[in-house]
PDB file of N, CA and C in Angstrom:
ATOM      1  N   MET A   1       0.944  -1.272  -0.016  1.00  0.00           N
ATOM      2  CA  MET A   1      -0.068  -0.121   0.103  1.00  0.00           C
ATOM      3  C   MET A   1       0.565   1.116  -0.022  1.00  0.00           C
ATOM      4  N   LEU A   2       0.645   2.281  -0.987  1.00  0.00           N
ATOM      5  CA  LEU A   2       1.704   3.458  -1.143  1.00  0.00           C
ATOM      6  C   LEU A   2       0.546   4.212  -0.087  1.00  0.00           C
ATOM      7  N   GLU A   3       1.331   5.458   0.072  1.00  0.00           N
ATOM      8  CA  GLU A   3       0.459   6.459   0.976  1.00  0.00           C
ATOM      9  C   GLU A   3       1.100   7.853   0.313  1.00  0.00           C
ATOM     10  N   PHE A   4       0.268   8.782  -0.592  1.00  0.00           N
ATOM     11  CA  PHE A   4       0.585  10.307  -0.940  1.00  0.00           C
ATOM     12  C   PHE A   4       0.111  11.311  -0.211  1.00  0.00           C
ATOM     13  N   CYS A   5       1.115  12.490  -0.323  1.00  0.00           N
ATOM     14  CA  CYS A   5       1.203  13.625   0.634  1.00  0.00           C
ATOM     15  C   CYS A   5       0.010  14.095  -0.186  1.00  0.00           C
ATOM     16  N   CYS A   6      -1.286  14.975   0.949  1.00  0.00           N
ATOM     17  CA  CYS A   6      -2.309  15.185   0.413  1.00  0.00           C
ATOM     18  C   CYS A   6      -2.185  16.879  -0.093  1.00  0.00           C
ATOM     19  N   PHE A   7      -0.742  17.252   0.002  1.00  0.00           N
ATOM     20  CA  PHE A   7      -0.448  18.796  -0.391  1.00  0.00           C
ATOM     21  C   PHE A   7       0.516  18.942  -1.775  1.00  0.00           C
ATOM     22  N   CYS A   8       1.627  17.546  -1.844  1.00  0.00           N
ATOM     23  CA  CYS A   8       1.973  18.044  -2.944  1.00  0.00           C
ATOM     24  C   CYS A   8       2.227  16.521  -3.862  1.00  0.00           C
ATOM     25  N   SER A   9       1.236  15.669  -3.248  1.00  0.00           N
ATOM     26  CA  SER A   9       1.131  14.387  -3.995  1.00  0.00           C
ATOM     27  C   SER A   9       2.666  13.687  -4.167  1.00  0.00           C
ATOM     28  N   ASN A  10       3.687  14.010  -3.422  1.00  0.00           N
ATOM     29  CA  ASN A  10       4.976  12.883  -3.543  1.00  0.00           C
ATOM     30  C   ASN A  10       4.332  11.847  -2.517  1.00  0.00           C
ATOM     31  N   LEU A  11       5.534  10.782  -2.488  1.00  0.00           N
ATOM     32  CA  LEU A  11       5.267   9.604  -1.706  1.00  0.00           C
ATOM     33  C   LEU A  11       5.724   9.706  -0.646  1.00  0.00           C
ATOM     34  N   LEU A  12       4.826   9.253   0.500  1.00  0.00           N
ATOM     35  CA  LEU A  12       5.328   9.467   1.890  1.00  0.00           C
ATOM     36  C   LEU A  12       5.861   8.088   2.147  1.00  0.00           C
ATOM     37  N   PHE A  13       6.726   8.238   3.017  1.00  0.00           N
ATOM     38  CA  PHE A  13       7.944   7.544   3.363  1.00  0.00           C
ATOM     39  C   PHE A  13       7.549   6.981   4.761  1.00  0.00           C
ATOM     40  N   ALA A  14       8.054   5.837   5.300  1.00  0.00           N
ATOM     41  CA  ALA A  14       7.610   5.328   6.771  1.00  0.00           C
ATOM     42  C   ALA A  14       8.862   5.573   7.623  1.00  0.00           C
ATOM     43  N   GLU A  15       8.714   6.137   8.518  1.00  0.00           N
ATOM     44  CA  GLU A  15       9.738   6.371   9.480  1.00  0.00           C
ATOM     45  C   GLU A  15       8.911   6.128  11.095  1.00  0.00           C
ATOM     46  N   GLU A  16      10.419   5.881  11.387  1.00  0.00           N
ATOM     47  CA  GLU A  16      10.303   5.847  12.994  1.00  0.00           C
ATOM     48  C   GLU A  16      10.617   7.300  13.774  1.00  0.00           C
ATOM     49  N   ASN A  17       9.808   7.654  14.509  1.00  0.00           N
ATOM     50  CA  ASN A  17      10.145   8.877  14.949  1.00  0.00           C
ATOM     51  C   ASN A  17      10.640   8.906  16.506  1.00  0.00           C
ATOM     52  N   LEU A  18      11.349  10.082  17.064  1.00  0.00           N
ATOM     53  CA  LEU A  18      11.865   9.916  18.058  1.00  0.00           C
ATOM     54  C   LEU A  18      11.387   9.258  19.273  1.00  0.00           C
ATOM     55  N   GLN A  19      10.019   9.059  19.057  1.00  0.00           N
ATOM     56  CA  GLN A  19       9.132   8.610  20.069  1.00  0.00           C
ATOM     57  C   GLN A  19       9.029   7.069  20.130  1.00  0.00           C
ATOM     58  N   GLY A  20       9.905   6.604  19.088  1.00  0.00           N
ATOM     59  CA  GLY A  20       9.714   4.755  18.858  1.00  0.00           C
ATOM     60  C   GLY A  20       8.525   4.877  17.967  1.00  0.00           C
ATOM     61  N   ASN A  21       7.616   5.694  17.855  1.00  0.00           N
ATOM     62  CA  ASN A  21       6.135   5.102  16.753  1.00  0.00           C
ATOM     63  C   ASN A  21       6.578   5.489  15.568  1.00  0.00           C
ATOM     64  N   VAL A  22       6.060   4.562  14.567  1.00  0.00           N
ATOM     65  CA  VAL A  22       6.139   4.636  13.157  1.00  0.00           C
ATOM     66  C   VAL A  22       5.069   5.744  12.251  1.00  0.00           C
ATOM     67  N   GLN A  23       5.710   6.531  11.574  1.00  0.00           N
ATOM     68  CA  GLN A  23       5.010   7.725  11.043  1.00  0.00           C
ATOM     69  C   GLN A  23       4.811   7.508   9.382  1.00  0.00           C
ATOM     70  N   PHE A  24       4.312   8.390   8.534  1.00  0.00           N
ATOM     71  CA  PHE A  24       4.399   8.592   7.252  1.00  0.00           C
ATOM     72  C   PHE A  24       4.943   9.957   7.218  1.00  0.00           C
ATOM     73  N   THR A  25       5.969  10.598   6.397  1.00  0.00           N
ATOM     74  CA  THR A  25       6.468  11.914   6.388  1.00  0.00           C
ATOM     75  C   THR A  25       6.793  11.753   5.062  1.00  0.00           C
ATOM     76  N   CYS A  26       6.322  13.494   4.530  1.00  0.00           N
ATOM     77  CA  CYS A  26       6.784  13.499   3.315  1.00  0.00           C
ATOM     78  C   CYS A  26       7.928  14.545   3.231  1.00  0.00           C
ATOM     79  N   LYS A  27       8.728  14.307   2.252  1.00  0.00           N
ATOM     80  CA  LYS A  27      10.291  14.633   2.092  1.00  0.00           C
ATOM     81  C   LYS A  27       9.976  16.318   1.557  1.00  0.00           C
ATOM     82  N   LEU A  28       9.257  16.627   1.014  1.00  0.00           N
ATOM     83  CA  LEU A  28       9.424  18.171   0.661  1.00  0.00           C
ATOM     84  C   LEU A  28       8.434  18.810   1.764  1.00  0.00           C
ATOM     85  N   CYS A  29       7.512  18.622   2.195  1.00  0.00           N
ATOM     86  CA  CYS A  29       5.930  19.138   3.193  1.00  0.00           C
ATOM     87  C   CYS A  29       6.125  19.186   4.306  1.00  0.00           C
ATOM     88  N   PRO A  30       6.479  19.556   5.472  1.00  0.00           N
ATOM     89  CA  PRO A  30       6.530  19.524   7.065  1.00  0.00           C
ATOM     90  C   PRO A  30       5.693  18.918   7.425  1.00  0.00           C
ATOM     91  N   ILE A  31       5.065  17.728   6.927  1.00  0.00           N
ATOM     92  CA  ILE A  31       3.937  17.063   7.535  1.00  0.00           C
ATOM     93  C   ILE A  31       4.000  15.752   7.890  1.00  0.00           C
ATOM     94  N   TYR A  32       3.348  15.304   8.622  1.00  0.00           N
ATOM     95  CA  TYR A  32       3.458  13.627   8.944  1.00  0.00           C
ATOM     96  C   TYR A  32       2.401  12.965   9.405  1.00  0.00           C
ATOM     97  N   PHE A  33       2.049  11.449   9.046  1.00  0.00           N
ATOM     98  CA  PHE A  33       0.440  11.170   9.640  1.00  0.00           C
ATOM     99  C   PHE A  33       1.384  10.240  10.319  1.00  0.00           C
ATOM    100  N   ARG A  34       0.858   9.594  11.828  1.00  0.00           N
ATOM    101  CA  ARG A  34       0.881   8.549  12.362  1.00  0.00           C
ATOM    102  C   ARG A  34       0.508   7.530  12.325  1.00  0.00           C
ATOM    103  N   VAL A  35       0.697   6.460  12.420  1.00  0.00           N
ATOM    104  CA  VAL A  35       0.338   4.812  12.004  1.00  0.00           C
ATOM    105  C   VAL A  35      -0.059   4.445  13.142  1.00  0.00           C
ATOM    106  N   LYS A  36      -1.553   4.332  13.035  1.00  0.00           N
ATOM    107  CA  LYS A  36      -2.230   3.597  14.505  1.00  0.00           C
ATOM    108  C   LYS A  36      -1.868   2.446  14.550  1.00  0.00           C
ATOM    109  N   LYS A  37      -2.082   2.065  13.474  1.00  0.00           N
ATOM    110  CA  LYS A  37      -1.957   0.573  13.495  1.00  0.00           C
ATOM    111  C   LYS A  37      -1.153  -0.434  12.402  1.00  0.00           C
ATOM    112  N   LEU A  38      -0.540  -0.982  12.755  1.00  0.00           N
ATOM    113  CA  LEU A  38       0.544  -1.629  11.586  1.00  0.00           C
ATOM    114  C   LEU A  38      -0.094  -2.838  11.408  1.00  0.00           C
ATOM    115  N   LYS A  39       0.028  -2.704   9.616  1.00  0.00           N
ATOM    116  CA  LYS A  39      -0.646  -4.327   8.854  1.00  0.00           C
ATOM    117  C   LYS A  39       0.856  -4.679   8.240  1.00  0.00           C
ATOM    118  N   LEU A  40       1.121  -6.074   8.214  1.00  0.00           N
ATOM    119  CA  LEU A  40       2.160  -6.366   7.809  1.00  0.00           C
ATOM    120  C   LEU A  40       1.519  -7.639   7.160  1.00  0.00           C
ATOM    121  N   HIS A  41       2.068  -7.751   5.885  1.00  0.00           N
ATOM    122  CA  HIS A  41       1.549  -8.879   5.051  1.00  0.00           C
ATOM    123  C   HIS A  41       2.907  -9.294   4.093  1.00  0.00           C
ATOM    124  N   LYS A  42       2.926 -10.796   4.274  1.00  0.00           N
ATOM    125  CA  LYS A  42       3.852 -11.095   3.705  1.00  0.00           C
ATOM    126  C   LYS A  42       3.234 -12.112   2.650  1.00  0.00           C
ATOM    127  N   ASN A  43       3.871 -12.244   1.415  1.00  0.00           N
ATOM    128  CA  ASN A  43       3.652 -12.649  -0.199  1.00  0.00           C
ATOM    129  C   ASN A  43       4.664 -13.674  -0.183  1.00  0.00           C
ATOM    130  N   TYR A  44       4.255 -14.839  -0.123  1.00  0.00           N
ATOM    131  CA  TYR A  44       5.259 -15.948  -0.623  1.00  0.00           C
ATOM    132  C   TYR A  44       4.966 -16.414  -1.781  1.00  0.00           C
ATOM    133  N   SER A  45       6.000 -16.299  -3.021  1.00  0.00           N
ATOM    134  CA  SER A  45       5.948 -16.970  -4.564  1.00  0.00           C
ATOM    135  C   SER A  45       6.350 -17.979  -4.707  1.00  0.00           C
ATOM    136  N   GLU A  46       5.722 -18.737  -5.449  1.00  0.00           N
ATOM    137  CA  GLU A  46       5.719 -19.973  -5.375  1.00  0.00           C
ATOM    138  C   GLU A  46       7.083 -20.510  -6.713  1.00  0.00           C
ATOM    139  N   LEU A  47       8.080 -21.243  -6.244  1.00  0.00           N
ATOM    140  CA  LEU A  47       9.467 -21.389  -6.634  1.00  0.00           C
ATOM    141  C   LEU A  47       8.764 -22.289  -8.047  1.00  0.00           C
ATOM    142  N   LYS A  48       9.891 -21.786  -8.756  1.00  0.00           N
ATOM    143  CA  LYS A  48       9.947 -22.077 -10.111  1.00  0.00           C
ATOM    144  C   LYS A  48      10.350 -24.000 -10.285  1.00  0.00           C
ATOM    145  N   LYS A  49       9.590 -24.746 -11.015  1.00  0.00           N
ATOM    146  CA  LYS A  49      10.080 -26.390 -10.716  1.00  0.00           C
ATOM    147  C   LYS A  49      11.397 -26.148 -11.652  1.00  0.00           C
ATOM    148  N   ILE A  50      12.742 -26.755 -10.990  1.00  0.00           N
ATOM    149  CA  ILE A  50      13.489 -26.928 -11.872  1.00  0.00           C
ATOM    150  C   ILE A  50      13.445 -28.328 -12.779  1.00  0.00           C
ATOM    151  N   ASP A  51      14.085 -27.902 -13.848  1.00  0.00           N
ATOM    152  CA  ASP A  51      13.947 -29.219 -15.233  1.00  0.00           C
ATOM    153  C   ASP A  51      15.255 -30.037 -14.869  1.00  0.00           C
ATOM    154  N   ASP A  52      15.024 -31.265 -14.744  1.00  0.00           N
ATOM    155  CA  ASP A  52      16.480 -32.057 -14.805  1.00  0.00           C
ATOM    156  C   ASP A  52      17.496 -31.981 -16.125  1.00  0.00           C
ATOM    157  N   ILE A  53      18.696 -31.487 -16.133  1.00  0.00           N
ATOM    158  CA  ILE A  53      19.800 -31.171 -17.114  1.00  0.00           C
ATOM    159  C   ILE A  53      19.589 -32.354 -17.856  1.00  0.00           C
ATOM    160  N   LEU A  54      19.959 -33.507 -17.274  1.00  0.00           N
ATOM    161  CA  LEU A  54      20.217 -34.952 -18.230  1.00  0.00           C
ATOM    162  C   LEU A  54      19.261 -35.521 -18.409  1.00  0.00           C
ATOM    163  N   GLY A  55      17.787 -34.964 -18.417  1.00  0.00           N
ATOM    164  CA  GLY A  55      16.474 -35.930 -19.100  1.00  0.00           C
ATOM    165  C   GLY A  55      16.365 -36.676 -18.094  1.00  0.00           C
ATOM    166  N   GLY A  56      16.289 -36.972 -16.775  1.00  0.00           N
ATOM    167  CA  GLY A  56      15.666 -37.756 -15.737  1.00  0.00           C
ATOM    168  C   GLY A  56      16.094 -39.067 -16.096  1.00  0.00           C
ATOM    169  N   GLU A  57      14.991 -39.893 -15.515  1.00  0.00           N
ATOM    170  CA  GLU A  57      15.346 -41.240 -15.491  1.00  0.00           C
ATOM    171  C   GLU A  57      15.245 -41.853 -17.558  1.00  0.00           C
ATOM    172  N   GLU A  58      15.140 -41.007 -18.185  1.00  0.00           N
ATOM    173  CA  GLU A  58      14.401 -41.282 -19.718  1.00  0.00           C
ATOM    174  C   GLU A  58      15.677 -41.345 -20.491  1.00  0.00           C
ATOM    175  N   ALA A  59      16.451 -40.156 -20.106  1.00  0.00           N
ATOM    176  CA  ALA A  59      17.846 -40.463 -20.662  1.00  0.00           C
ATOM    177  C   ALA A  59      18.672 -41.256 -20.087  1.00  0.00           C
ATOM    178  N   TRP A  60      18.337 -42.370 -19.550  1.00  0.00           N
ATOM    179  CA  TRP A  60      19.615 -43.108 -19.113  1.00  0.00           C
ATOM    180  C   TRP A  60      18.976 -44.354 -19.905  1.00  0.00           C
ATOM    181  N   LYS A  61      18.027 -44.719 -20.158  1.00  0.00           N
ATOM    182  CA  LYS A  61      17.637 -46.101 -20.837  1.00  0.00           C
ATOM    183  C   LYS A  61      18.427 -46.662 -21.694  1.00  0.00           C
ATOM    184  N   ASN A  62      18.570 -45.867 -22.660  1.00  0.00           N
ATOM    185  CA  ASN A  62      19.454 -46.775 -23.751  1.00  0.00           C
ATOM    186  C   ASN A  62      20.926 -46.320 -23.905  1.00  0.00           C
ATOM    187  N   VAL A  63      21.617 -46.128 -22.973  1.00  0.00           N
ATOM    188  CA  VAL A  63      23.334 -45.488 -22.751  1.00  0.00           C
ATOM    189  C   VAL A  63      24.104 -47.211 -22.692  1.00  0.00           C
ATOM    190  N   ASP A  64      25.176 -46.694 -23.097  1.00  0.00           N
ATOM    191  CA  ASP A  64      26.189 -47.984 -22.787  1.00  0.00           C
ATOM    192  C   ASP A  64      27.178 -47.429 -21.525  1.00  0.00           C
ATOM    193  N   SER A  65      27.809 -48.660 -21.214  1.00  0.00           N
ATOM    194  CA  SER A  65      28.429 -48.314 -20.306  1.00  0.00           C
ATOM    195  C   SER A  65      29.796 -48.511 -20.501  1.00  0.00           C
ATOM    196  N   THR A  66      30.936 -48.223 -19.408  1.00  0.00           N
ATOM    197  CA  THR A  66      32.549 -48.547 -19.762  1.00  0.00           C
ATOM    198  C   THR A  66      32.988 -48.848 -18.576  1.00  0.00           C
ATOM    199  N   GLU A  67      34.261 -49.279 -18.784  1.00  0.00           N
ATOM    200  CA  GLU A  67      35.310 -48.973 -17.531  1.00  0.00           C
ATOM    201  C   GLU A  67      35.610 -48.331 -16.899  1.00  0.00           C
ATOM    202  N   GLU A  68      34.523 -47.378 -16.037  1.00  0.00           N
ATOM    203  CA  GLU A  68      35.086 -46.322 -14.889  1.00  0.00           C
ATOM    204  C   GLU A  68      34.581 -47.081 -13.379  1.00  0.00           C
ATOM    205  N   ARG A  69      35.692 -46.751 -12.596  1.00  0.00           N
ATOM    206  CA  ARG A  69      35.159 -46.432 -11.480  1.00  0.00           C
ATOM    207  C   ARG A  69      34.726 -45.874 -10.741  1.00  0.00           C
ATOM    208  N   CYS A  70      33.697 -46.498  -9.913  1.00  0.00           N
ATOM    209  CA  CYS A  70      32.471 -45.499  -9.104  1.00  0.00           C
ATOM    210  C   CYS A  70      33.827 -45.035  -7.489  1.00  0.00           C
ATOM    211  N   PRO A  71      33.508 -43.573  -7.741  1.00  0.00           N
ATOM    212  CA  PRO A  71      33.918 -43.154  -6.413  1.00  0.00           C
ATOM    213  C   PRO A  71      33.280 -43.359  -4.961  1.00  0.00           C
ATOM    214  N   LYS A  72      32.125 -43.479  -5.443  1.00  0.00           N
ATOM    215  CA  LYS A  72      31.889 -44.302  -4.136  1.00  0.00           C
ATOM    216  C   LYS A  72      31.500 -45.484  -3.524  1.00  0.00           C
ATOM    217  N   CYS A  73      31.228 -46.570  -4.516  1.00  0.00           N
ATOM    218  CA  CYS A  73      31.197 -47.720  -4.071  1.00  0.00           C
ATOM    219  C   CYS A  73      32.353 -48.652  -4.994  1.00  0.00           C
ATOM    220  N   SER A  74      33.328 -47.997  -5.282  1.00  0.00           N
ATOM    221  CA  SER A  74      34.539 -48.603  -6.217  1.00  0.00           C
ATOM    222  C   SER A  74      34.148 -50.076  -7.154  1.00  0.00           C
ATOM    223  N   HIS A  75      32.740 -50.078  -7.456  1.00  0.00           N
ATOM    224  CA  HIS A  75      31.996 -50.388  -9.212  1.00  0.00           C
ATOM    225  C   HIS A  75      33.141 -49.966 -10.081  1.00  0.00           C
ATOM    226  N   ASP A  76      33.224 -51.450 -10.755  1.00  0.00           N
ATOM    227  CA  ASP A  76      34.411 -51.184 -11.817  1.00  0.00           C
ATOM    228  C   ASP A  76      33.483 -51.071 -13.263  1.00  0.00           C
ATOM    229  N   ARG A  77      32.283 -50.799 -13.530  1.00  0.00           N
ATOM    230  CA  ARG A  77      31.461 -50.173 -14.303  1.00  0.00           C
ATOM    231  C   ARG A  77      30.488 -49.315 -14.354  1.00  0.00           C
ATOM    232  N   ALA A  78      30.573 -48.551 -15.443  1.00  0.00           N
ATOM    233  CA  ALA A  78      29.477 -47.360 -14.994  1.00  0.00           C
ATOM    234  C   ALA A  78      29.154 -46.872 -16.264  1.00  0.00           C
ATOM    235  N   TYR A  79      27.592 -46.572 -16.592  1.00  0.00           N
ATOM    236  CA  TYR A  79      27.029 -46.093 -18.000  1.00  0.00           C
ATOM    237  C   TYR A  79      27.349 -44.633 -17.796  1.00  0.00           C
ATOM    238  N   PHE A  80      27.378 -44.182 -19.061  1.00  0.00           N
ATOM    239  CA  PHE A  80      27.839 -43.152 -19.035  1.00  0.00           C
ATOM    240  C   PHE A  80      27.398 -42.097 -20.562  1.00  0.00           C
ATOM    241  N   LEU A  81      27.043 -40.585 -20.057  1.00  0.00           N
ATOM    242  CA  LEU A  81      26.636 -39.653 -21.188  1.00  0.00           C
ATOM    243  C   LEU A  81      27.098 -38.788 -21.516  1.00  0.00           C
ATOM    244  N   GLN A  82      27.281 -38.500 -22.370  1.00  0.00           N
ATOM    245  CA  GLN A  82      28.013 -37.158 -22.750  1.00  0.00           C
ATOM    246  C   GLN A  82      27.160 -35.889 -23.501  1.00  0.00           C
ATOM    247  N   MET A  83      26.892 -34.803 -23.237  1.00  0.00           N
ATOM    248  CA  MET A  83      26.500 -33.755 -23.204  1.00  0.00           C
ATOM    249  C   MET A  83      27.308 -32.277 -23.922  1.00  0.00           C
ATOM    250  N   GLN A  84      27.120 -31.674 -24.639  1.00  0.00           N
ATOM    251  CA  GLN A  84      27.638 -30.335 -24.611  1.00  0.00           C
ATOM    252  C   GLN A  84      27.219 -29.044 -23.959  1.00  0.00           C
ATOM    253  N   THR A  85      27.512 -28.778 -22.985  1.00  0.00           N
ATOM    254  CA  THR A  85      27.071 -27.683 -21.732  1.00  0.00           C
ATOM    255  C   THR A  85      27.891 -26.633 -21.621  1.00  0.00           C
ATOM    256  N   ARG A  86      28.692 -26.440 -22.467  1.00  0.00           N
ATOM    257  CA  ARG A  86      29.601 -25.270 -22.693  1.00  0.00           C
ATOM    258  C   ARG A  86      29.251 -24.821 -24.146  1.00  0.00           C
ATOM    259  N   SER A  87      29.861 -23.833 -24.366  1.00  0.00           N
ATOM    260  CA  SER A  87      30.305 -23.181 -25.883  1.00  0.00           C
ATOM    261  C   SER A  87      30.900 -24.681 -26.825  1.00  0.00           C
ATOM    262  N   ALA A  88      30.683 -23.851 -28.043  1.00  0.00           N
ATOM    263  CA  ALA A  88      31.174 -25.275 -29.111  1.00  0.00           C
ATOM    264  C   ALA A  88      32.545 -25.801 -29.313  1.00  0.00           C
ATOM    265  N   ASP A  89      33.193 -24.683 -28.783  1.00  0.00           N
ATOM    266  CA  ASP A  89      34.912 -24.564 -29.028  1.00  0.00           C
ATOM    267  C   ASP A  89      35.165 -25.361 -27.625  1.00  0.00           C
ATOM    268  N   GLU A  90      34.248 -25.475 -26.540  1.00  0.00           N
ATOM    269  CA  GLU A  90      34.613 -26.446 -25.504  1.00  0.00           C
ATOM    270  C   GLU A  90      34.499 -28.184 -25.518  1.00  0.00           C
ATOM    271  N   PRO A  91      35.500 -28.681 -24.919  1.00  0.00           N
ATOM    272  CA  PRO A  91      35.142 -30.349 -25.201  1.00  0.00           C
ATOM    273  C   PRO A  91      33.635 -30.777 -24.520  1.00  0.00           C
ATOM    274  N   MET A  92      33.054 -31.939 -24.773  1.00  0.00           N
ATOM    275  CA  MET A  92      31.811 -32.086 -24.103  1.00  0.00           C
ATOM    276  C   MET A  92      31.820 -32.473 -22.737  1.00  0.00           C
ATOM    277  N   THR A  93      30.884 -32.640 -21.652  1.00  0.00           N
ATOM    278  CA  THR A  93      30.976 -32.723 -20.355  1.00  0.00           C
ATOM    279  C   THR A  93      30.262 -34.539 -19.884  1.00  0.00           C
ATOM    280  N   THR A  94      31.315 -35.507 -19.713  1.00  0.00           N
ATOM    281  CA  THR A  94      31.066 -36.910 -19.885  1.00  0.00           C
ATOM    282  C   THR A  94      30.086 -36.915 -18.233  1.00  0.00           C
ATOM    283  N   PHE A  95      28.855 -37.513 -18.032  1.00  0.00           N
ATOM    284  CA  PHE A  95      28.372 -38.304 -17.069  1.00  0.00           C
ATOM    285  C   PHE A  95      28.271 -39.106 -16.756  1.00  0.00           C
ATOM    286  N   TYR A  96      28.674 -39.716 -15.673  1.00  0.00           N
ATOM    287  CA  TYR A  96      28.638 -41.531 -14.925  1.00  0.00           C
ATOM    288  C   TYR A  96      27.411 -41.517 -14.413  1.00  0.00           C
ATOM    289  N   ARG A  97      27.316 -42.938 -14.493  1.00  0.00           N
ATOM    290  CA  ARG A  97      26.212 -43.181 -13.067  1.00  0.00           C
ATOM    291  C   ARG A  97      26.627 -44.712 -12.585  1.00  0.00           C
ATOM    292  N   CYS A  98      26.535 -45.065 -12.137  1.00  0.00           N
ATOM    293  CA  CYS A  98      27.527 -46.711 -11.426  1.00  0.00           C
ATOM    294  C   CYS A  98      26.435 -47.465 -11.666  1.00  0.00           C
ATOM    295  N   CYS A  99      26.732 -48.170 -12.606  1.00  0.00           N
ATOM    296  CA  CYS A  99      26.024 -49.658 -12.755  1.00  0.00           C
ATOM    297  C   CYS A  99      25.434 -50.617 -11.834  1.00  0.00           C
ATOM    298  N   ASN A 100      26.015 -50.544 -10.350  1.00  0.00           N
ATOM    299  CA  ASN A 100      25.551 -50.822  -9.255  1.00  0.00           C
ATOM    300  C   ASN A 100      24.264 -50.580  -9.010  1.00  0.00           C
ATOM    301  N   PRO A 101      23.063 -51.730  -8.864  1.00  0.00           N
ATOM    302  CA  PRO A 101      22.066 -50.913  -8.624  1.00  0.00           C
ATOM    303  C   PRO A 101      22.041 -50.488  -7.417  1.00  0.00           C
ATOM    304  N   GLU A 102      22.485 -51.052  -6.561  1.00  0.00           N
ATOM    305  CA  GLU A 102      22.331 -50.393  -5.013  1.00  0.00           C
ATOM    306  C   GLU A 102      22.871 -49.102  -4.832  1.00  0.00           C
ATOM    307  N   CYS A 103      23.944 -48.158  -5.649  1.00  0.00           N
ATOM    308  CA  CYS A 103      24.311 -47.763  -5.567  1.00  0.00           C
ATOM    309  C   CYS A 103      23.866 -46.360  -6.507  1.00  0.00           C
ATOM    310  N   ASN A 104      23.622 -46.453  -7.786  1.00  0.00           N
ATOM    311  CA  ASN A 104      23.212 -45.690  -8.943  1.00  0.00           C
ATOM    312  C   ASN A 104      23.997 -44.104  -8.719  1.00  0.00           C
ATOM    313  N   HIS A 105      25.246 -44.066  -8.154  1.00  0.00           N
ATOM    314  CA  HIS A 105      25.691 -42.807  -7.661  1.00  0.00           C
ATOM    315  C   HIS A 105      25.892 -42.100  -9.347  1.00  0.00           C
ATOM    316  N   TYR A 106      25.662 -40.911  -9.218  1.00  0.00           N
ATOM    317  CA  TYR A 106      26.050 -40.050 -10.434  1.00  0.00           C
ATOM    318  C   TYR A 106      27.579 -39.112 -10.160  1.00  0.00           C
ATOM    319  N   TRP A 107      28.052 -38.665 -11.000  1.00  0.00           N
ATOM    320  CA  TRP A 107      29.534 -38.050 -11.184  1.00  0.00           C
ATOM    321  C   TRP A 107      29.536 -37.175 -12.885  1.00  0.00           C
ATOM    322  N   ARG A 108      30.506 -36.224 -12.444  1.00  0.00           N
ATOM    323  CA  ARG A 108      30.665 -35.946 -14.083  1.00  0.00           C
ATOM    324  C   ARG A 108      32.104 -36.200 -14.482  1.00  0.00           C
ATOM    325  N   ASP A 109      32.739 -36.001 -15.695  1.00  0.00           N
ATOM    326  CA  ASP A 109      34.157 -36.312 -15.878  1.00  0.00           C
ATOM    327  C   ASP A 109      34.561 -34.317 -16.478  1.00  0.00           C
TER     328      ASP A 109
END
């Protein structure tokens, strides 16, 4: 809610006076309006859902596996997927997923 000065139509600013009360004051006119009741309204916006950059479980369905040791469980095979995540003159990023069904740890190279 915005309040405006009734004399010069400028925006009033909420300030605390010397007694600790909140008041609306005009920066141009020597006028103020005491706030009798504070009303606080919080508005929480809904966060945007983030897409899975790797395409979720659907992207891992038909991928190949290679000999790569998992840093979490030390399994010797991992699925891999390559994607261009940077500019075209940079190398592709390789994403790995452990072949051990109990681990399923993700990492990248």
